[in-house]
Amino acid sequence: MNVIETIKEFPIIPVYYKDDVDECIDTLTHCYQGGIRVFEFVNRGDKALENFKALLTYKNEHFIDLKLGIGTIKTIQQAKEFVDAGAEFLVSPIIKSEIASLAKEYGLEWIPGCMTPTEIALAEELGVKLVKLFPGETLGTSFLKSIKPLFPNLKFMPTGGVDITEESIKSWKNAGVYSVGLGSKLFLEPTNSYNDNWLVERCSKLLEWAK
């Protein structure tokens, strides 16, 4: 399956970064064991490129059906670096036509961050299939319900403001999302947790709600 098809079947997308590469691999493994098949590593630290390459190597050896992409791409230079490293899709908090052109050149999906109808319209003009609603906590489900009829050919994914509760996931789903991105809340270990598999179980439950 391509990235868009995989996201449809596995609509929970972890958004993650750590400096420690072993911790990155451990987290990726637990997410995969919980059913995750699309994972967004983010370009938010000095070791982002180095750790992404290590994750990609590990993924190709152990989780061949997982789609591993890179987020927080804000410049064409960043996009080129990670595309050359083997990124399978690109995610940005902003929209830039030159990043769209690069993604098209390499046959990659690019998921830009949009906050206004004007930005969403530009994304559509640039050939984007899936739009990242960012920041999700500011926009909310009511915004999505209002703008979705204006863009019937686009798919939407909120990032930020999505809680790890059944109520939150289902409210976004009922508003018409295609998928949801989950960052720090996904990786916050439960208080007094004595279960090493809490992230596996959390991912599994979130996927169940999202589907």
C-alpha atoms as a PDB file:
ATOM      1  CA  MET A   1       0.000   0.000   0.000  1.00  0.00           C
ATOM      2  CA  ASN A   2       1.088   3.580  -0.554  1.00  0.00           C
ATOM      3  CA  VAL A   3       1.266   6.053   2.336  1.00  0.00           C
ATOM      4  CA  ILE A   4      -2.260   7.447   1.931  1.00  0.00           C
ATOM      5  CA  GLU A   5      -3.774   3.960   1.765  1.00  0.00           C
ATOM      6  CA  THR A   6      -1.763   2.834   4.790  1.00  0.00           C
ATOM      7  CA  ILE A   7      -2.894   5.878   6.781  1.00  0.00           C
ATOM      8  CA  LYS A   8      -6.499   5.056   5.942  1.00  0.00           C
ATOM      9  CA  GLU A   9      -6.130   1.551   7.367  1.00  0.00           C
ATOM     10  CA  PHE A  10      -3.951   2.649  10.334  1.00  0.00           C
ATOM     11  CA  PRO A  11      -5.157   6.203  11.131  1.00  0.00           C
ATOM     12  CA  ILE A  12      -3.156   6.857  14.315  1.00  0.00           C
ATOM     13  CA  ILE A  13       0.201   8.523  13.534  1.00  0.00           C
ATOM     14  CA  PRO A  14       2.749   8.939  16.340  1.00  0.00           C
ATOM     15  CA  VAL A  15       4.772  12.170  16.179  1.00  0.00           C
ATOM     16  CA  TYR A  16       8.053  11.655  18.021  1.00  0.00           C
ATOM     17  CA  TYR A  17      11.624  12.794  18.679  1.00  0.00           C
ATOM     18  CA  LYS A  18      14.354  11.912  21.180  1.00  0.00           C
ATOM     19  CA  ASP A  19      18.115  12.474  21.174  1.00  0.00           C
ATOM     20  CA  ASP A  20      18.770   8.929  22.419  1.00  0.00           C
ATOM     21  CA  VAL A  21      18.715   6.626  19.405  1.00  0.00           C
ATOM     22  CA  ASP A  22      18.152   3.487  21.509  1.00  0.00           C
ATOM     23  CA  GLU A  23      15.100   5.118  23.052  1.00  0.00           C
ATOM     24  CA  CYS A  24      13.890   6.005  19.559  1.00  0.00           C
ATOM     25  CA  ILE A  25      14.192   2.414  18.389  1.00  0.00           C
ATOM     26  CA  ASP A  26      12.510   1.122  21.540  1.00  0.00           C
ATOM     27  CA  THR A  27       9.590   3.515  21.065  1.00  0.00           C
ATOM     28  CA  LEU A  28       9.226   2.656  17.393  1.00  0.00           C
ATOM     29  CA  THR A  29       9.183  -1.041  18.307  1.00  0.00           C
ATOM     30  CA  HIS A  30       6.483  -0.642  20.945  1.00  0.00           C
ATOM     31  CA  CYS A  31       4.331   1.436  18.593  1.00  0.00           C
ATOM     32  CA  TYR A  32       4.680  -1.199  15.881  1.00  0.00           C
ATOM     33  CA  GLN A  33       3.749  -3.945  18.333  1.00  0.00           C
ATOM     34  CA  GLY A  34       0.636  -1.909  19.153  1.00  0.00           C
ATOM     35  CA  GLY A  35      -0.429  -1.935  15.513  1.00  0.00           C
ATOM     36  CA  ILE A  36       1.040   1.357  14.299  1.00  0.00           C
ATOM     37  CA  ARG A  37       2.060   1.264  10.638  1.00  0.00           C
ATOM     38  CA  VAL A  38       2.713   4.961   9.960  1.00  0.00           C
ATOM     39  CA  PHE A  39       5.265   6.784  12.122  1.00  0.00           C
ATOM     40  CA  GLU A  40       6.366  10.428  11.941  1.00  0.00           C
ATOM     41  CA  PHE A  41       9.798  11.160  13.352  1.00  0.00           C
ATOM     42  CA  VAL A  42      10.343  14.914  13.690  1.00  0.00           C
ATOM     43  CA  ASN A  43      13.210  17.218  12.822  1.00  0.00           C
ATOM     44  CA  ARG A  44      13.395  18.894  16.226  1.00  0.00           C
ATOM     45  CA  GLY A  45      16.858  18.216  17.550  1.00  0.00           C
ATOM     46  CA  ASP A  46      20.548  18.127  16.684  1.00  0.00           C
ATOM     47  CA  LYS A  47      20.468  14.363  16.159  1.00  0.00           C
ATOM     48  CA  ALA A  48      17.344  14.289  14.023  1.00  0.00           C
ATOM     49  CA  LEU A  49      19.019  13.264  10.765  1.00  0.00           C
ATOM     50  CA  GLU A  50      21.395  10.794  12.427  1.00  0.00           C
ATOM     51  CA  ASN A  51      18.628   9.145  14.438  1.00  0.00           C
ATOM     52  CA  PHE A  52      16.250   9.088  11.482  1.00  0.00           C
ATOM     53  CA  LYS A  53      18.797   7.158   9.429  1.00  0.00           C
ATOM     54  CA  ALA A  54      19.235   4.671  12.276  1.00  0.00           C
ATOM     55  CA  LEU A  55      15.467   4.258  12.620  1.00  0.00           C
ATOM     56  CA  LEU A  56      15.080   3.737   8.891  1.00  0.00           C
ATOM     57  CA  THR A  57      17.770   1.053   8.868  1.00  0.00           C
ATOM     58  CA  TYR A  58      16.119  -0.705  11.799  1.00  0.00           C
ATOM     59  CA  LYS A  59      12.690  -0.357  10.218  1.00  0.00           C
ATOM     60  CA  ASN A  60      13.858  -1.844   6.930  1.00  0.00           C
ATOM     61  CA  GLU A  61      15.311  -4.830   8.770  1.00  0.00           C
ATOM     62  CA  HIS A  62      12.404  -5.505  11.139  1.00  0.00           C
ATOM     63  CA  PHE A  63       9.233  -3.637  10.113  1.00  0.00           C
ATOM     64  CA  ILE A  64       9.206  -3.579   6.335  1.00  0.00           C
ATOM     65  CA  ASP A  65       5.477  -2.727   6.156  1.00  0.00           C
ATOM     66  CA  LEU A  66       5.865   0.383   8.344  1.00  0.00           C
ATOM     67  CA  LYS A  67       5.866   3.800   6.640  1.00  0.00           C
ATOM     68  CA  LEU A  68       8.480   6.060   8.247  1.00  0.00           C
ATOM     69  CA  GLY A  69       8.343   9.759   7.462  1.00  0.00           C
ATOM     70  CA  ILE A  70       9.875  12.969   8.707  1.00  0.00           C
ATOM     71  CA  GLY A  71       8.037  15.930  10.206  1.00  0.00           C
ATOM     72  CA  THR A  72       8.769  19.569  11.075  1.00  0.00           C
ATOM     73  CA  ILE A  73      10.201  20.166   7.614  1.00  0.00           C
ATOM     74  CA  LYS A  74      10.266  23.935   7.078  1.00  0.00           C
ATOM     75  CA  THR A  75      12.844  24.449   4.320  1.00  0.00           C
ATOM     76  CA  ILE A  76      13.715  22.914   0.988  1.00  0.00           C
ATOM     77  CA  GLN A  77      17.191  22.102   2.345  1.00  0.00           C
ATOM     78  CA  GLN A  78      15.735  20.074   5.198  1.00  0.00           C
ATOM     79  CA  ALA A  79      13.421  18.299   2.798  1.00  0.00           C
ATOM     80  CA  LYS A  80      16.312  17.336   0.516  1.00  0.00           C
ATOM     81  CA  GLU A  81      18.411  16.015   3.402  1.00  0.00           C
ATOM     82  CA  PHE A  82      15.699  13.665   4.639  1.00  0.00           C
ATOM     83  CA  VAL A  83      14.533  12.630   1.186  1.00  0.00           C
ATOM     84  CA  ASP A  84      18.113  11.660   0.386  1.00  0.00           C
ATOM     85  CA  ALA A  85      18.195   9.736   3.685  1.00  0.00           C
ATOM     86  CA  GLY A  86      15.154   7.708   2.599  1.00  0.00           C
ATOM     87  CA  ALA A  87      12.110   9.408   4.129  1.00  0.00           C
ATOM     88  CA  GLU A  88       8.914   7.788   2.890  1.00  0.00           C
ATOM     89  CA  PHE A  89       6.782  10.898   3.368  1.00  0.00           C
ATOM     90  CA  LEU A  90       7.200  14.512   4.500  1.00  0.00           C
ATOM     91  CA  VAL A  91       5.204  16.549   7.020  1.00  0.00           C
ATOM     92  CA  SER A  92       5.450  20.309   7.579  1.00  0.00           C
ATOM     93  CA  PRO A  93       3.918  22.752  10.070  1.00  0.00           C
ATOM     94  CA  ILE A  94       3.660  25.257   7.197  1.00  0.00           C
ATOM     95  CA  ILE A  95       2.969  25.288   3.472  1.00  0.00           C
ATOM     96  CA  LYS A  96       5.660  26.049   0.869  1.00  0.00           C
ATOM     97  CA  SER A  97       5.357  25.475  -2.855  1.00  0.00           C
ATOM     98  CA  GLU A  98       9.006  24.468  -3.243  1.00  0.00           C
ATOM     99  CA  ILE A  99       8.584  21.597  -0.775  1.00  0.00           C
ATOM    100  CA  ALA A 100       5.514  20.482  -2.715  1.00  0.00           C
ATOM    101  CA  SER A 101       7.586  20.485  -5.915  1.00  0.00           C
ATOM    102  CA  LEU A 102      10.348  18.417  -4.327  1.00  0.00           C
ATOM    103  CA  ALA A 103       7.894  15.855  -2.989  1.00  0.00           C
ATOM    104  CA  LYS A 104       6.271  15.593  -6.406  1.00  0.00           C
ATOM    105  CA  GLU A 105       9.682  15.147  -8.062  1.00  0.00           C
ATOM    106  CA  TYR A 106      10.448  12.187  -5.804  1.00  0.00           C
ATOM    107  CA  GLY A 107       6.936  10.747  -5.839  1.00  0.00           C
ATOM    108  CA  LEU A 108       6.447  11.285  -2.108  1.00  0.00           C
ATOM    109  CA  GLU A 109       3.400  12.339  -0.150  1.00  0.00           C
ATOM    110  CA  TRP A 110       3.752  15.727   1.512  1.00  0.00           C
ATOM    111  CA  ILE A 111       1.409  16.642   4.378  1.00  0.00           C
ATOM    112  CA  PRO A 112       1.538  20.411   4.993  1.00  0.00           C
ATOM    113  CA  GLY A 113       0.236  22.207   8.058  1.00  0.00           C
ATOM    114  CA  CYS A 114      -2.651  24.576   7.390  1.00  0.00           C
ATOM    115  CA  MET A 115      -4.707  26.835   9.653  1.00  0.00           C
ATOM    116  CA  THR A 116      -6.906  28.877   7.319  1.00  0.00           C
ATOM    117  CA  PRO A 117      -9.169  28.185   4.326  1.00  0.00           C
ATOM    118  CA  THR A 118      -6.732  30.151   2.164  1.00  0.00           C
ATOM    119  CA  GLU A 119      -3.845  27.877   3.162  1.00  0.00           C
ATOM    120  CA  ILE A 120      -5.994  24.792   2.599  1.00  0.00           C
ATOM    121  CA  ALA A 121      -6.958  26.079  -0.857  1.00  0.00           C
ATOM    122  CA  LEU A 122      -3.272  26.578  -1.681  1.00  0.00           C
ATOM    123  CA  ALA A 123      -2.525  23.029  -0.527  1.00  0.00           C
ATOM    124  CA  GLU A 124      -5.229  21.756  -2.849  1.00  0.00           C
ATOM    125  CA  GLU A 125      -3.770  23.744  -5.763  1.00  0.00           C
ATOM    126  CA  LEU A 126      -0.352  22.205  -5.036  1.00  0.00           C
ATOM    127  CA  GLY A 127      -1.767  18.695  -5.361  1.00  0.00           C
ATOM    128  CA  VAL A 128      -1.821  17.811  -1.668  1.00  0.00           C
ATOM    129  CA  LYS A 129      -4.061  14.876  -0.722  1.00  0.00           C
ATOM    130  CA  LEU A 130      -3.871  15.041   3.082  1.00  0.00           C
ATOM    131  CA  VAL A 131      -3.781  18.316   5.040  1.00  0.00           C
ATOM    132  CA  LYS A 132      -2.449  18.622   8.569  1.00  0.00           C
ATOM    133  CA  LEU A 133      -4.733  20.851  10.646  1.00  0.00           C
ATOM    134  CA  PHE A 134      -2.279  22.616  12.923  1.00  0.00           C
ATOM    135  CA  PRO A 135      -2.510  23.515  15.720  1.00  0.00           C
ATOM    136  CA  GLY A 136      -5.419  21.192  16.331  1.00  0.00           C
ATOM    137  CA  GLU A 137      -6.159  22.505  19.819  1.00  0.00           C
ATOM    138  CA  THR A 138      -6.727  25.998  18.421  1.00  0.00           C
ATOM    139  CA  LEU A 139      -8.846  24.943  15.443  1.00  0.00           C
ATOM    140  CA  GLY A 140     -10.963  22.197  17.027  1.00  0.00           C
ATOM    141  CA  THR A 141     -13.588  19.892  15.599  1.00  0.00           C
ATOM    142  CA  SER A 142     -16.044  22.717  14.834  1.00  0.00           C
ATOM    143  CA  PHE A 143     -13.563  24.292  12.435  1.00  0.00           C
ATOM    144  CA  LEU A 144     -13.148  21.024  10.573  1.00  0.00           C
ATOM    145  CA  LYS A 145     -16.898  20.518  10.296  1.00  0.00           C
ATOM    146  CA  SER A 146     -17.231  24.022   8.871  1.00  0.00           C
ATOM    147  CA  ILE A 147     -14.509  23.858   6.222  1.00  0.00           C
ATOM    148  CA  LYS A 148     -14.731  20.205   5.174  1.00  0.00           C
ATOM    149  CA  PRO A 149     -17.691  20.747   2.791  1.00  0.00           C
ATOM    150  CA  LEU A 150     -15.630  23.425   0.998  1.00  0.00           C
ATOM    151  CA  PHE A 151     -12.895  20.901   0.199  1.00  0.00           C
ATOM    152  CA  PRO A 152     -14.626  17.595  -0.560  1.00  0.00           C
ATOM    153  CA  ASN A 153     -11.568  16.153  -2.306  1.00  0.00           C
ATOM    154  CA  LEU A 154      -9.141  16.733   0.570  1.00  0.00           C
ATOM    155  CA  LYS A 155      -8.414  14.585   3.590  1.00  0.00           C
ATOM    156  CA  PHE A 156      -7.630  16.077   7.007  1.00  0.00           C
ATOM    157  CA  MET A 157      -5.414  15.132   9.944  1.00  0.00           C
ATOM    158  CA  PRO A 158      -5.320  17.201  13.163  1.00  0.00           C
ATOM    159  CA  THR A 159      -2.060  17.318  15.080  1.00  0.00           C
ATOM    160  CA  GLY A 160      -1.940  18.934  18.495  1.00  0.00           C
ATOM    161  CA  GLY A 161      -4.990  19.046  20.706  1.00  0.00           C
ATOM    162  CA  VAL A 162      -5.899  15.399  20.235  1.00  0.00           C
ATOM    163  CA  ASP A 163      -6.178  13.625  23.568  1.00  0.00           C
ATOM    164  CA  ILE A 164      -5.528   9.926  24.145  1.00  0.00           C
ATOM    165  CA  THR A 165      -9.124   9.324  25.190  1.00  0.00           C
ATOM    166  CA  GLU A 166     -11.952   7.554  23.430  1.00  0.00           C
ATOM    167  CA  GLU A 167     -14.032  10.737  23.608  1.00  0.00           C
ATOM    168  CA  SER A 168     -11.370  12.851  21.875  1.00  0.00           C
ATOM    169  CA  ILE A 169     -10.579  10.323  19.154  1.00  0.00           C
ATOM    170  CA  LYS A 170     -14.228   9.697  18.369  1.00  0.00           C
ATOM    171  CA  SER A 171     -15.118  13.404  18.370  1.00  0.00           C
ATOM    172  CA  TRP A 172     -12.446  14.068  15.736  1.00  0.00           C
ATOM    173  CA  LYS A 173     -13.529  11.001  13.806  1.00  0.00           C
ATOM    174  CA  ASN A 174     -17.155  12.164  13.845  1.00  0.00           C
ATOM    175  CA  ALA A 175     -15.996  15.563  12.587  1.00  0.00           C
ATOM    176  CA  GLY A 176     -14.615  13.830   9.498  1.00  0.00           C
ATOM    177  CA  VAL A 177     -10.875  13.350   9.975  1.00  0.00           C
ATOM    178  CA  TYR A 178      -8.948  10.869   7.873  1.00  0.00           C
ATOM    179  CA  SER A 179      -6.369  10.310  10.606  1.00  0.00           C
ATOM    180  CA  VAL A 180      -4.923  11.943  13.732  1.00  0.00           C
ATOM    181  CA  GLY A 181      -1.368  12.784  14.733  1.00  0.00           C
ATOM    182  CA  LEU A 182      -0.405  12.245  18.372  1.00  0.00           C
ATOM    183  CA  GLY A 183       2.680  13.728  20.011  1.00  0.00           C
ATOM    184  CA  SER A 184       3.730  14.097  23.636  1.00  0.00           C
ATOM    185  CA  LYS A 185       0.435  12.891  25.118  1.00  0.00           C
ATOM    186  CA  LEU A 186       0.856   9.536  23.403  1.00  0.00           C
ATOM    187  CA  PHE A 187       4.260   8.979  25.001  1.00  0.00           C
ATOM    188  CA  LEU A 188       3.459  10.180  28.526  1.00  0.00           C
ATOM    189  CA  GLU A 189       3.834   7.123  30.738  1.00  0.00           C
ATOM    190  CA  PRO A 190       0.880   6.514  33.070  1.00  0.00           C
ATOM    191  CA  THR A 191       1.447   7.432  36.708  1.00  0.00           C
ATOM    192  CA  ASN A 192       2.571   4.467  38.809  1.00  0.00           C
ATOM    193  CA  SER A 193       2.703   2.239  35.748  1.00  0.00           C
ATOM    194  CA  TYR A 194       4.272  -1.150  36.335  1.00  0.00           C
ATOM    195  CA  ASN A 195       3.501  -2.435  32.871  1.00  0.00           C
ATOM    196  CA  ASP A 196       6.316  -2.213  30.334  1.00  0.00           C
ATOM    197  CA  ASN A 197       3.781  -2.687  27.553  1.00  0.00           C
ATOM    198  CA  TRP A 198       1.694   0.415  28.323  1.00  0.00           C
ATOM    199  CA  LEU A 199       2.611   2.064  25.005  1.00  0.00           C
ATOM    200  CA  VAL A 200       1.790  -1.110  23.054  1.00  0.00           C
ATOM    201  CA  GLU A 201      -1.592  -1.321  24.736  1.00  0.00           C
ATOM    202  CA  ARG A 202      -2.280   2.400  24.312  1.00  0.00           C
ATOM    203  CA  CYS A 203      -1.550   2.311  20.578  1.00  0.00           C
ATOM    204  CA  SER A 204      -3.757  -0.731  20.143  1.00  0.00           C
ATOM    205  CA  LYS A 205      -6.651   0.920  21.954  1.00  0.00           C
ATOM    206  CA  LEU A 206      -6.278   4.206  20.037  1.00  0.00           C
ATOM    207  CA  LEU A 207      -6.322   2.371  16.706  1.00  0.00           C
ATOM    208  CA  GLU A 208      -9.440   0.517  17.780  1.00  0.00           C
ATOM    209  CA  TRP A 209     -11.200   3.812  18.557  1.00  0.00           C
ATOM    210  CA  ALA A 210      -9.944   5.519  15.391  1.00  0.00           C
ATOM    211  CA  LYS A 211     -11.115   2.720  13.131  1.00  0.00           C
END
